[in-house]
Structures are given as structure tokens and as C-alpha cells.
N, C-alpha and C. Protein backbone atom coordinates (compact mmCIF):
# COMPACT_ATOMS: atom_id res chain seq x y z
N MET A 1 116.56 75.32 64.65
CA MET A 1 117.83 75.61 64.14
C MET A 1 118.24 77.53 64.58
N LYS A 2 116.71 78.13 64.65
CA LYS A 2 117.15 79.12 65.30
C LYS A 2 117.70 79.30 66.20
N LYS A 3 116.85 78.58 67.29
CA LYS A 3 117.23 78.80 68.91
C LYS A 3 118.96 78.58 68.74
N ILE A 4 119.38 77.70 68.22
CA ILE A 4 120.80 77.20 68.41
C ILE A 4 121.48 78.08 67.81
N LEU A 5 121.16 79.21 66.60
CA LEU A 5 121.88 79.86 66.28
C LEU A 5 121.84 81.10 66.93
N MET A 6 121.13 81.63 68.22
CA MET A 6 120.75 82.50 68.87
C MET A 6 121.63 82.51 69.91
N VAL A 7 121.84 81.01 70.48
CA VAL A 7 122.87 80.83 71.35
C VAL A 7 123.96 80.93 71.14
N ILE A 8 124.16 80.85 69.79
CA ILE A 8 125.80 80.75 69.38
C ILE A 8 126.16 82.31 69.14
N ILE A 9 125.31 82.89 69.21
CA ILE A 9 125.25 84.41 68.95
C ILE A 9 125.51 84.99 70.32
N VAL A 10 124.77 84.80 71.22
CA VAL A 10 124.62 85.62 72.51
C VAL A 10 126.26 84.64 73.31
N ALA A 11 126.37 83.63 72.96
CA ALA A 11 127.58 83.30 73.21
C ALA A 11 129.00 84.13 73.06
N LEU A 12 128.96 84.21 71.76
CA LEU A 12 129.99 84.71 71.14
C LEU A 12 130.08 86.05 71.51
N ALA A 13 128.59 86.79 71.83
CA ALA A 13 128.94 87.92 72.25
C ALA A 13 129.23 88.32 73.39
N SER A 14 129.11 87.55 74.22
CA SER A 14 129.48 87.32 75.77
C SER A 14 130.73 87.02 75.87
N ALA A 15 131.51 86.76 75.16
CA ALA A 15 132.93 86.23 75.13
C ALA A 15 133.45 87.15 74.57
N LEU A 16 133.10 88.02 73.47
CA LEU A 16 133.46 88.97 73.22
C LEU A 16 133.83 90.06 73.99
N ALA A 17 132.64 90.33 75.02
CA ALA A 17 132.18 91.53 75.44
C ALA A 17 133.28 91.27 76.95
N THR A 18 133.69 90.09 77.41
CA THR A 18 134.14 89.55 78.64
C THR A 18 135.53 90.26 78.09
N ASN A 19 136.19 89.83 77.13
CA ASN A 19 138.08 89.94 76.82
C ASN A 19 138.24 91.22 77.01
N ALA A 20 137.02 92.05 76.58
CA ALA A 20 137.78 93.57 76.41
C ALA A 20 136.80 94.58 77.32
N MET A 21 137.04 94.42 78.61
CA MET A 21 136.34 95.33 79.68
C MET A 21 137.83 95.84 80.59
N GLU A 22 137.18 97.08 80.99
CA GLU A 22 138.29 98.26 82.13
C GLU A 22 137.94 97.79 83.17
N MET A 23 138.46 98.26 84.12
CA MET A 23 137.65 98.64 85.93
C MET A 23 136.52 98.79 85.97
N LYS A 24 135.74 100.09 85.07
CA LYS A 24 134.41 100.36 85.57
C LYS A 24 133.71 99.51 84.78
N ASP A 25 134.07 98.56 83.69
CA ASP A 25 133.03 97.65 83.54
C ASP A 25 132.93 96.46 84.63
N TYR A 26 133.49 96.23 85.67
CA TYR A 26 133.54 94.99 86.50
C TYR A 26 132.18 95.57 87.75
N ASN A 27 132.26 96.95 87.62
CA ASN A 27 131.10 97.12 88.51
C ASN A 27 129.57 97.02 88.70
N VAL A 28 129.41 96.25 87.30
CA VAL A 28 127.87 95.62 87.40
C VAL A 28 127.50 94.42 88.50
N PHE A 29 128.95 93.82 88.81
CA PHE A 29 128.52 92.90 89.66
C PHE A 29 128.25 93.35 91.14
N TYR A 30 128.91 94.98 91.24
CA TYR A 30 128.47 95.30 92.62
C TYR A 30 127.01 95.87 92.78
N LYS A 31 126.59 96.29 91.33
CA LYS A 31 124.78 96.36 91.30
C LYS A 31 124.36 95.39 91.87
N LEU A 32 124.51 94.02 91.01
CA LEU A 32 124.08 92.77 91.27
C LEU A 32 123.66 92.56 92.80
N ASN A 33 124.64 92.86 93.36
CA ASN A 33 124.75 92.29 95.06
C ASN A 33 124.07 93.54 95.69
N GLU A 34 123.49 94.53 95.17
CA GLU A 34 121.97 95.45 96.26
C GLU A 34 120.93 94.88 96.22
N LYS A 35 120.72 94.78 97.34
CA LYS A 35 119.54 93.75 97.96
C LYS A 35 118.28 93.94 97.28
N THR A 36 118.05 95.06 96.65
CA THR A 36 116.68 95.38 95.78
C THR A 36 117.12 94.79 94.42
N VAL A 37 118.24 94.97 93.93
CA VAL A 37 118.75 94.41 92.34
C VAL A 37 118.67 93.07 92.42
N PHE A 38 119.31 92.39 93.54
CA PHE A 38 119.31 90.88 93.57
C PHE A 38 118.13 90.31 93.79
N ASN A 39 117.28 90.89 94.90
CA ASN A 39 115.94 90.40 94.57
C ASN A 39 115.11 90.16 93.17
N ALA A 40 115.19 91.17 92.47
CA ALA A 40 114.45 91.42 91.11
C ALA A 40 115.18 89.97 89.84
N LEU A 41 116.77 90.24 90.41
CA LEU A 41 117.45 89.00 89.38
C LEU A 41 116.90 87.33 89.79
N VAL A 42 116.56 87.49 91.08
CA VAL A 42 116.08 86.07 91.66
C VAL A 42 115.14 85.84 91.12
N LYS A 43 114.11 86.46 90.92
CA LYS A 43 112.73 86.86 90.82
C LYS A 43 112.83 86.33 89.15
N TYR A 44 113.61 86.89 88.70
CA TYR A 44 113.87 87.24 87.10
C TYR A 44 113.96 85.86 86.56
N LEU A 45 114.86 85.08 87.35
CA LEU A 45 115.69 84.14 87.02
C LEU A 45 115.06 82.58 87.68
N ASP A 46 114.31 82.81 88.42
CA ASP A 46 112.86 81.84 88.57
C ASP A 46 113.81 81.15 89.55
N VAL A 47 114.85 81.40 90.64
CA VAL A 47 115.80 80.27 91.33
C VAL A 47 114.95 79.79 92.63
N ASN A 48 115.10 78.97 93.10
CA ASN A 48 114.48 78.25 93.99
C ASN A 48 115.29 78.93 95.95
N GLU A 49 114.50 79.10 96.66
CA GLU A 49 115.43 79.12 97.91
C GLU A 49 116.55 78.84 98.13
N ASP A 50 117.01 77.81 97.99
CA ASP A 50 118.78 77.29 98.03
C ASP A 50 119.42 78.05 96.93
N GLN A 51 119.27 77.78 95.64
CA GLN A 51 119.95 78.86 94.48
C GLN A 51 120.17 80.07 95.06
N SER A 52 118.95 80.97 95.40
CA SER A 52 118.98 82.05 95.98
C SER A 52 120.07 82.69 97.15
N ASN A 53 120.54 81.87 98.00
CA ASN A 53 121.08 81.61 99.36
C ASN A 53 122.62 81.59 98.77
N GLN A 54 122.98 80.68 97.73
CA GLN A 54 124.07 80.20 97.11
C GLN A 54 124.55 81.59 96.30
N LEU A 55 123.52 81.93 95.09
CA LEU A 55 123.77 82.96 94.34
C LEU A 55 124.28 84.27 95.63
N ALA A 56 123.30 84.43 96.58
CA ALA A 56 124.23 85.39 97.52
C ALA A 56 125.59 85.44 97.95
N TYR A 57 125.77 84.17 98.23
CA TYR A 57 127.33 83.72 98.94
C TYR A 57 128.53 83.83 97.80
N VAL A 58 128.01 83.40 96.65
CA VAL A 58 128.63 83.69 95.32
C VAL A 58 129.08 85.20 94.81
N PHE A 59 127.74 86.41 94.96
CA PHE A 59 128.29 87.46 94.62
C PHE A 59 128.99 88.33 96.22
N ASP A 60 128.33 87.65 96.70
CA ASP A 60 129.17 88.54 98.27
C ASP A 60 130.97 88.27 97.84
N LEU A 61 131.19 87.09 97.63
CA LEU A 61 132.63 86.42 97.73
C LEU A 61 133.21 87.62 96.28
N THR A 62 132.57 87.46 95.29
CA THR A 62 133.06 88.39 93.84
C THR A 62 133.37 90.16 94.75
N GLU A 63 132.17 90.14 95.48
CA GLU A 63 132.52 91.31 95.37
C GLU A 63 133.68 91.75 96.20
N ARG A 64 134.30 90.63 97.09
CA ARG A 64 135.46 91.08 97.90
C ARG A 64 136.26 90.62 97.21
N LYS A 65 136.26 89.81 95.91
CA LYS A 65 137.22 90.32 94.99
C LYS A 65 137.84 90.76 94.12
N LEU A 66 136.36 91.47 93.86
CA LEU A 66 136.88 92.90 93.24
C LEU A 66 137.10 94.10 93.65
N ASP A 67 136.87 94.39 95.35
CA ASP A 67 137.99 94.86 96.17
C ASP A 67 139.08 94.95 96.05
N GLN A 68 139.26 94.08 96.33
CA GLN A 68 140.59 93.54 96.24
C GLN A 68 141.57 94.31 95.32
N ALA A 69 140.53 93.74 93.73
CA ALA A 69 141.53 93.90 92.51
C ALA A 69 141.30 95.50 92.35
N ASN A 70 139.98 96.32 92.59
CA ASN A 70 140.12 97.48 92.48
C ASN A 70 141.35 98.62 93.76
N ARG A 71 141.58 97.93 94.90
CA ARG A 71 142.30 98.42 95.38
C ARG A 71 143.78 98.88 94.75
N ARG A 72 144.13 97.45 94.34
CA ARG A 72 145.26 97.13 93.43
C ARG A 72 145.49 97.84 91.81
N ALA A 73 144.31 98.29 91.46
CA ALA A 73 143.91 98.32 90.66
C ALA A 73 144.61 97.37 89.11
N ASP A 74 143.99 95.98 89.47
CA ASP A 74 144.55 95.12 88.88
C ASP A 74 143.63 94.61 87.96
N ILE A 75 143.42 94.74 86.80
CA ILE A 75 142.55 94.40 85.52
C ILE A 75 142.76 92.61 85.89
N SER A 76 143.89 92.18 85.40
CA SER A 76 143.74 90.59 85.99
C SER A 76 142.71 90.14 87.18
N ALA A 77 142.81 90.83 88.15
CA ALA A 77 142.04 90.25 89.13
C ALA A 77 140.93 90.34 89.25
N ALA A 78 140.79 91.23 88.71
CA ALA A 78 139.29 91.54 88.43
C ALA A 78 138.70 90.43 87.22
N GLU A 79 139.04 90.64 86.26
CA GLU A 79 138.71 89.35 85.40
C GLU A 79 138.44 87.61 86.05
N LYS A 80 139.37 87.61 86.87
CA LYS A 80 139.53 86.27 87.69
C LYS A 80 138.32 86.64 88.68
N ALA A 81 137.99 87.30 89.44
CA ALA A 81 136.94 87.50 89.81
C ALA A 81 135.66 87.38 89.13
N MET A 82 135.69 87.92 88.13
CA MET A 82 134.71 87.53 86.97
C MET A 82 134.52 86.39 86.74
N ASN A 83 135.32 85.61 86.37
CA ASN A 83 135.60 84.20 85.58
C ASN A 83 134.80 83.24 87.12
N PHE A 84 135.36 84.03 88.33
CA PHE A 84 134.95 83.24 89.33
C PHE A 84 133.41 83.17 89.49
N ASN A 85 133.16 84.42 89.20
CA ASN A 85 131.24 84.52 89.40
C ASN A 85 130.24 83.87 88.61
N LEU A 86 130.93 83.83 87.04
CA LEU A 86 130.52 82.96 85.74
C LEU A 86 130.72 81.92 86.08
N GLY A 87 131.80 80.96 86.75
CA GLY A 87 132.12 79.81 86.99
C GLY A 87 130.85 78.75 87.87
N ASN A 88 131.02 79.92 88.74
CA ASN A 88 130.20 79.06 89.98
C ASN A 88 128.69 79.47 90.16
N VAL A 89 128.20 80.82 89.29
CA VAL A 89 126.89 80.85 89.01
C VAL A 89 126.44 79.77 87.82
N LYS A 90 127.23 79.32 86.80
CA LYS A 90 126.79 78.43 85.61
C LYS A 90 126.64 77.47 86.45
N TYR A 91 127.23 77.21 87.70
CA TYR A 91 127.44 75.77 88.20
C TYR A 91 125.89 75.74 89.12
N LEU A 92 125.13 76.42 89.36
CA LEU A 92 124.08 76.89 90.28
C LEU A 92 122.95 77.01 89.62
N LEU A 93 123.13 77.31 88.35
CA LEU A 93 121.86 77.89 87.54
C LEU A 93 121.75 76.60 86.53
N SER A 94 120.50 76.56 86.37
CA SER A 94 119.90 75.45 84.76
C SER A 94 120.48 76.30 83.52
N GLU A 95 120.58 75.66 82.56
CA GLU A 95 121.51 76.37 80.91
C GLU A 95 120.69 77.45 80.99
N THR A 96 118.98 77.45 81.10
CA THR A 96 118.04 78.75 80.89
C THR A 96 118.50 79.97 81.87
N GLN A 97 118.42 79.62 83.04
CA GLN A 97 118.81 80.85 83.83
C GLN A 97 120.24 81.06 83.46
N TYR A 98 120.84 80.45 83.38
CA TYR A 98 122.10 80.69 83.42
C TYR A 98 122.32 81.52 81.94
N ARG A 99 121.34 81.44 80.61
CA ARG A 99 121.55 82.15 79.62
C ARG A 99 121.00 83.73 79.87
N LYS A 100 119.85 83.42 80.72
CA LYS A 100 119.47 84.95 81.41
C LYS A 100 120.62 85.72 82.06
N TYR A 101 120.81 85.26 82.56
CA TYR A 101 122.29 86.00 83.62
C TYR A 101 122.83 86.31 82.68
N LEU A 102 123.45 85.65 81.65
CA LEU A 102 124.55 86.48 80.89
C LEU A 102 123.78 87.37 79.91
N ILE A 103 122.21 87.51 79.71
CA ILE A 103 121.95 88.88 78.80
C ILE A 103 121.67 89.69 79.75
N ILE A 104 121.37 89.72 81.09
CA ILE A 104 121.44 90.58 82.19
C ILE A 104 122.82 91.33 82.60
N LEU A 105 123.79 90.73 82.54
CA LEU A 105 125.14 90.68 82.93
C LEU A 105 125.38 92.07 81.47
N ASN A 106 124.92 91.31 79.89
CA ASN A 106 125.69 92.38 79.05
C ASN A 106 124.89 93.62 78.44
N VAL A 107 123.37 93.43 79.25
CA VAL A 107 122.93 94.34 79.23
C VAL A 107 122.84 95.60 80.25
N SER A 108 123.24 95.32 81.38
CA SER A 108 123.60 95.56 82.42
C SER A 108 124.94 96.40 82.36
N ARG A 109 125.86 95.62 81.57
CA ARG A 109 127.25 96.64 81.30
C ARG A 109 127.33 97.52 79.98
N HIS A 110 126.25 97.49 79.27
CA HIS A 110 126.37 98.09 78.37
C HIS A 110 125.45 99.11 78.25
N SER A 111 124.43 99.46 79.17
CA SER A 111 123.74 100.01 79.69
C SER A 111 124.18 101.34 80.60
N ASN A 112 125.04 100.82 81.51
CA ASN A 112 126.11 101.62 82.22
C ASN A 112 127.06 102.62 81.21
N TYR A 113 127.59 101.73 80.43
CA TYR A 113 128.59 102.73 79.19
C TYR A 113 127.59 103.46 78.75
N GLU A 114 126.36 103.82 78.32
CA GLU A 114 125.77 104.24 77.74
C GLU A 114 125.35 105.65 78.18
N GLU A 115 125.33 105.25 79.80
CA GLU A 115 124.93 106.57 80.77
C GLU A 115 126.19 107.08 81.35
N PHE A 116 127.49 106.88 80.99
CA PHE A 116 128.82 107.00 81.05
C PHE A 116 128.61 108.23 79.92
N ILE A 117 128.38 107.69 78.38
CA ILE A 117 128.71 108.32 77.54
C ILE A 117 127.57 109.35 77.50
N ALA A 118 126.61 109.74 78.26
CA ALA A 118 125.04 110.58 78.25
C ALA A 118 125.88 111.42 78.98
N ALA A 119 126.50 111.30 80.24
CA ALA A 119 126.67 111.82 81.75
C ALA A 119 127.79 113.01 80.90
N ASN A 120 128.56 112.34 79.69
CA ASN A 120 129.79 113.54 79.73
C ASN A 120 129.54 114.10 78.30
N ASN A 121 128.35 113.70 77.70
CA ASN A 121 128.35 114.92 76.50
C ASN A 121 127.27 115.86 76.63
């Protein structure tokens, strides 16, 4: 029962977090596509080689879509890029791996926000 409640809370928190994003919040996807961060993510998620290659491809496409959205300052296009990433990653990973991925995204997004606040105070 506690596990189900925790999953619901994480799902709700991630849904609320993705609805109120600004352009800078999508930068977490660029960070995840960096080689060292990507390698650490692959280890953390415990994916196989095939999943790793497919994740790299999805992250590359996500970055391209975000580049286009940033050039036009189009929040709607950035959200579509994020949904593209989340949908494809969900398809590639197991349920447990995907939950870990969502946690990494949310923690990364909120830590970037805290760094921004600390830098401006």
C-alpha cells in the first residue's frame, strides 16, 4: 500500500512539475545528453547496451527539437520536445527504470532552480 501511494505521489508531483515549466527548465535535457552525465545515467538506470543506444538516439533528437524551440522561444514546442522524450523513454525502459528517470529529471530541474536562486542572492 505504501509503495502504491509513493508511486501516485511521484506521478502527481512530476505531472504538476511539467505543467509549470519555463524555457530554462528544459535545459535539464541538454545536461542529460552530455557524455559523462549520460554514462552516469545509464549506470544508474542499469540499462543494457541496446537500451543505451536507443536512449542516446532519443536524447539527441530531443536536443535537436529543443534547439529549434529555443531559437523561436516557443514554450509549446519545448513542451512537445519534452513529451517526445518522456514518451520514448517510457517505451524503452522498464517501469522501475522509468520511475528512476523521472526522479532524476525532477531532482535535476529543482537543483538547477536552487542554483539559480543562490547565484542571484
